[in-house]
């Protein structure tokens, strides 16, 4: 079991926080109008895996820019940078029958085992992102239950620039309930694959 130690790493971008030493939570990292692209800041912070929770067409895509932005900040071409889209509707949770959260947890586990940094983001970095971070805290054993995960996120969220306008992450009751009951969802998922002989 990994104990949850709240990271004191500096934020790569203002509306972000380090959930663990290898996992950053942030708002959408691409806006063509930014003078210094947010992608550059995340790449400079060591992030090599991007987990995008937005839906196709929700915002301008950036995955095709990652390699060129990496070159701009001096990352060698042979260094692996990955992008994953796991679309979850804004202010919603994944459907119960969907394997999406299991797939997200698998990517985050791979990153942690490899000790490579990842960023999880949605549009604002609040609801969908907070839900995934809470589930990761439960899945990785950093907290004892979903309520512990929500309390940890509450503490981390206070460091984010937009917390005054959006005081809660996750954002909705169903998102908080999803985190609260994620341990039960995990157990149900495991038991559904057990074959009794």
Protein backbone atom coordinates (compact mmCIF):
# COMPACT_ATOMS: atom_id res chain seq x y z
CA UNK A 1 0.00 0.00 0.00
CA UNK A 2 1.31 3.44 -0.92
CA UNK A 3 0.64 6.08 1.70
CA UNK A 4 -0.70 9.35 0.40
CA UNK A 5 1.84 12.10 0.81
CA UNK A 6 0.59 15.36 -0.59
CA UNK A 7 3.12 16.60 -3.09
CA UNK A 8 4.83 19.93 -2.67
CA UNK A 9 6.14 20.01 -6.26
CA UNK A 10 5.50 23.34 -7.94
CA UNK A 11 2.57 23.48 -10.32
CA UNK A 12 3.57 23.18 -13.98
CA UNK A 13 0.62 25.42 -14.93
CA UNK A 14 -1.56 27.57 -12.62
CA UNK A 15 -4.67 25.39 -12.77
CA UNK A 16 -2.95 22.13 -11.91
CA UNK A 17 -1.68 20.15 -8.94
CA UNK A 18 0.52 17.14 -8.35
CA UNK A 19 -1.70 14.36 -6.99
CA UNK A 20 1.38 12.13 -6.58
CA UNK A 21 5.01 12.60 -7.60
CA UNK A 22 4.14 10.93 -10.92
CA UNK A 23 0.62 12.22 -11.53
CA UNK A 24 -0.46 15.77 -12.32
CA UNK A 25 -4.08 16.90 -12.57
CA UNK A 26 -4.83 19.89 -14.76
CA UNK A 27 -7.23 21.80 -16.92
CA UNK A 28 -7.12 21.37 -20.70
CA UNK A 29 -3.49 22.11 -21.60
CA UNK A 30 -3.89 23.57 -25.06
CA UNK A 31 -4.90 27.04 -26.14
CA UNK A 32 -3.33 28.41 -29.33
CA UNK A 33 -3.50 31.96 -27.90
CA UNK A 34 -1.11 31.28 -24.98
CA UNK A 35 2.26 33.02 -25.55
CA UNK A 36 4.08 30.13 -23.84
CA UNK A 37 2.14 26.98 -24.58
CA UNK A 38 0.88 25.08 -21.55
CA UNK A 39 2.00 21.89 -23.30
CA UNK A 40 5.59 23.15 -23.13
CA UNK A 41 5.30 23.71 -19.39
CA UNK A 42 3.93 20.22 -18.81
CA UNK A 43 6.63 18.65 -20.96
CA UNK A 44 9.32 20.65 -19.13
CA UNK A 45 7.88 19.32 -15.85
CA UNK A 46 8.72 15.82 -17.07
CA UNK A 47 5.25 14.73 -18.17
CA UNK A 48 5.40 12.12 -20.91
CA UNK A 49 1.89 10.62 -20.77
CA UNK A 50 -1.21 12.69 -21.48
CA UNK A 51 -4.61 11.33 -20.41
CA UNK A 52 -7.38 13.38 -22.03
CA UNK A 53 -10.89 12.93 -20.61
CA UNK A 54 -12.63 15.29 -23.05
CA UNK A 55 -14.93 14.10 -25.80
CA UNK A 56 -13.96 14.17 -29.46
CA UNK A 57 -14.70 17.68 -30.78
CA UNK A 58 -15.18 19.21 -27.33
CA UNK A 59 -12.02 21.34 -27.64
CA UNK A 60 -9.20 21.88 -30.13
CA UNK A 61 -7.07 18.73 -30.32
CA UNK A 62 -3.40 18.90 -29.38
CA UNK A 63 -2.12 15.33 -29.63
CA UNK A 64 -0.63 16.00 -33.08
CA UNK A 65 1.48 18.82 -31.54
CA UNK A 66 3.14 16.85 -28.75
CA UNK A 67 6.22 15.73 -30.67
CA UNK A 68 6.92 19.19 -32.15
CA UNK A 69 6.42 20.88 -28.74
CA UNK A 70 8.74 18.28 -27.20
CA UNK A 71 11.44 19.24 -29.71
CA UNK A 72 10.96 22.93 -28.87
CA UNK A 73 11.68 22.25 -25.19
CA UNK A 74 14.65 19.99 -25.97
CA UNK A 75 13.21 16.51 -25.52
CA UNK A 76 14.99 14.00 -27.77
CA UNK A 77 12.95 12.34 -30.53
CA UNK A 78 13.62 8.89 -29.08
CA UNK A 79 11.94 9.76 -25.77
CA UNK A 80 8.46 8.23 -25.69
CA UNK A 81 5.50 10.59 -25.33
CA UNK A 82 2.05 9.04 -25.25
CA UNK A 83 -1.46 10.40 -25.57
CA UNK A 84 -4.65 8.59 -24.53
CA UNK A 85 -8.22 9.78 -24.92
CA UNK A 86 -10.79 8.31 -22.55
CA UNK A 87 -13.88 10.36 -23.33
CA UNK A 88 -16.24 11.07 -20.45
CA UNK A 89 -19.11 13.51 -20.92
CA UNK A 90 -18.62 16.83 -19.08
CA UNK A 91 -19.99 16.84 -15.51
CA UNK A 92 -20.73 13.10 -15.79
CA UNK A 93 -19.30 9.72 -14.80
CA UNK A 94 -18.55 6.70 -16.97
CA UNK A 95 -21.48 4.31 -17.46
CA UNK A 96 -21.34 1.34 -15.05
CA UNK A 97 -20.87 -1.16 -17.86
CA UNK A 98 -18.01 0.83 -19.43
CA UNK A 99 -14.44 -0.42 -18.93
CA UNK A 100 -13.13 3.14 -19.28
CA UNK A 101 -12.13 3.72 -15.64
CA UNK A 102 -10.35 0.36 -15.51
CA UNK A 103 -8.44 1.35 -18.67
CA UNK A 104 -7.49 4.73 -17.19
CA UNK A 105 -6.31 3.06 -13.97
CA UNK A 106 -4.21 0.67 -16.05
CA UNK A 107 -2.44 3.55 -17.83
CA UNK A 108 -1.76 5.33 -14.51
CA UNK A 109 -0.45 2.12 -12.96
CA UNK A 110 1.91 1.57 -15.90
CA UNK A 111 3.24 5.12 -15.50
CA UNK A 112 3.79 4.74 -11.79
CA UNK A 113 5.54 1.38 -12.17
CA UNK A 114 7.79 2.88 -14.86
CA UNK A 115 8.25 6.02 -12.73
CA UNK A 116 7.19 8.24 -15.60
CA UNK A 117 5.03 11.32 -15.13
CA UNK A 118 1.49 11.60 -16.45
CA UNK A 119 -1.11 14.34 -16.58
CA UNK A 120 -4.86 13.72 -16.39
CA UNK A 121 -7.08 16.52 -17.63
CA UNK A 122 -10.57 17.34 -18.79
CA UNK A 123 -11.82 20.80 -19.80
CA UNK A 124 -11.50 22.62 -16.49
CA UNK A 125 -9.57 20.03 -14.48
CA UNK A 126 -12.39 19.94 -11.94
CA UNK A 127 -15.07 17.28 -12.31
CA UNK A 128 -13.89 14.46 -14.56
CA UNK A 129 -10.27 15.00 -13.56
CA UNK A 130 -11.08 15.04 -9.84
CA UNK A 131 -13.10 11.85 -10.27
CA UNK A 132 -10.17 10.05 -11.91
CA UNK A 133 -7.70 11.31 -9.31
CA UNK A 134 -9.99 10.14 -6.50
CA UNK A 135 -10.34 6.71 -8.09
CA UNK A 136 -6.56 6.50 -8.50
CA UNK A 137 -6.05 7.30 -4.81
CA UNK A 138 -8.36 4.38 -3.96
CA UNK A 139 -6.99 1.99 -6.61
CA UNK A 140 -3.36 2.61 -5.64
CA UNK A 141 -4.07 2.19 -1.92
CA UNK A 142 -3.02 5.73 -1.04
CA UNK A 143 -6.23 6.17 0.94
CA UNK A 144 -8.44 3.71 2.78
CA UNK A 145 -11.67 4.67 1.03
CA UNK A 146 -13.41 7.08 -1.29
CA UNK A 147 -14.09 9.60 1.46
CA UNK A 148 -10.36 9.72 2.16
CA UNK A 149 -9.74 10.34 -1.53
CA UNK A 150 -12.24 13.20 -1.61
CA UNK A 151 -10.63 14.76 1.46
CA UNK A 152 -7.17 14.57 -0.15
CA UNK A 153 -8.47 16.18 -3.35
CA UNK A 154 -10.12 18.93 -1.31
CA UNK A 155 -6.72 19.77 0.21
CA UNK A 156 -4.92 19.66 -3.14
CA UNK A 157 -7.64 21.66 -4.92
CA UNK A 158 -7.13 24.60 -2.54
CA UNK A 159 -3.74 25.16 -4.23
CA UNK A 160 -5.30 25.61 -7.67
CA UNK A 161 -5.81 29.14 -9.01
CA UNK A 162 -9.46 28.63 -9.96
CA UNK A 163 -10.54 27.11 -6.62
CA UNK A 164 -12.18 30.41 -5.59
CA UNK A 165 -14.54 30.27 -8.58
CA UNK A 166 -15.02 26.50 -8.46
CA UNK A 167 -14.69 25.43 -4.83
CA UNK A 168 -15.29 21.69 -5.28
CA UNK A 169 -13.51 18.92 -7.14
CA UNK A 170 -15.02 16.57 -8.17
CA UNK A 171 -17.80 18.86 -9.27
CA UNK A 172 -21.08 16.94 -9.02
CA UNK A 173 -22.78 14.66 -6.52
CA UNK A 174 -22.65 11.64 -8.86
CA UNK A 175 -18.91 12.21 -9.41
CA UNK A 176 -18.28 12.30 -5.65
CA UNK A 177 -20.43 9.20 -5.18
CA UNK A 178 -18.47 7.41 -7.92
CA UNK A 179 -15.25 8.06 -5.98
CA UNK A 180 -16.89 7.11 -2.65
CA UNK A 181 -17.99 3.77 -4.07
CA UNK A 182 -15.00 3.05 -6.31
CA UNK A 183 -13.65 0.36 -3.98
CA UNK A 184 -16.99 -1.47 -4.34
CA UNK A 185 -16.80 -1.05 -8.12
CA UNK A 186 -13.30 -2.56 -8.07
CA UNK A 187 -14.41 -5.53 -5.98
CA UNK A 188 -17.42 -6.15 -8.23
CA UNK A 189 -15.15 -6.00 -11.28
CA UNK A 190 -12.72 -8.49 -9.76
CA UNK A 191 -15.48 -10.86 -8.65
CA UNK A 192 -17.08 -10.78 -12.09
CA UNK A 193 -13.88 -12.34 -13.46
CA UNK A 194 -13.57 -15.04 -10.80
CA UNK A 195 -14.39 -18.51 -12.04
CA UNK A 196 -15.66 -20.94 -9.42
CA UNK A 197 -14.47 -24.49 -10.04
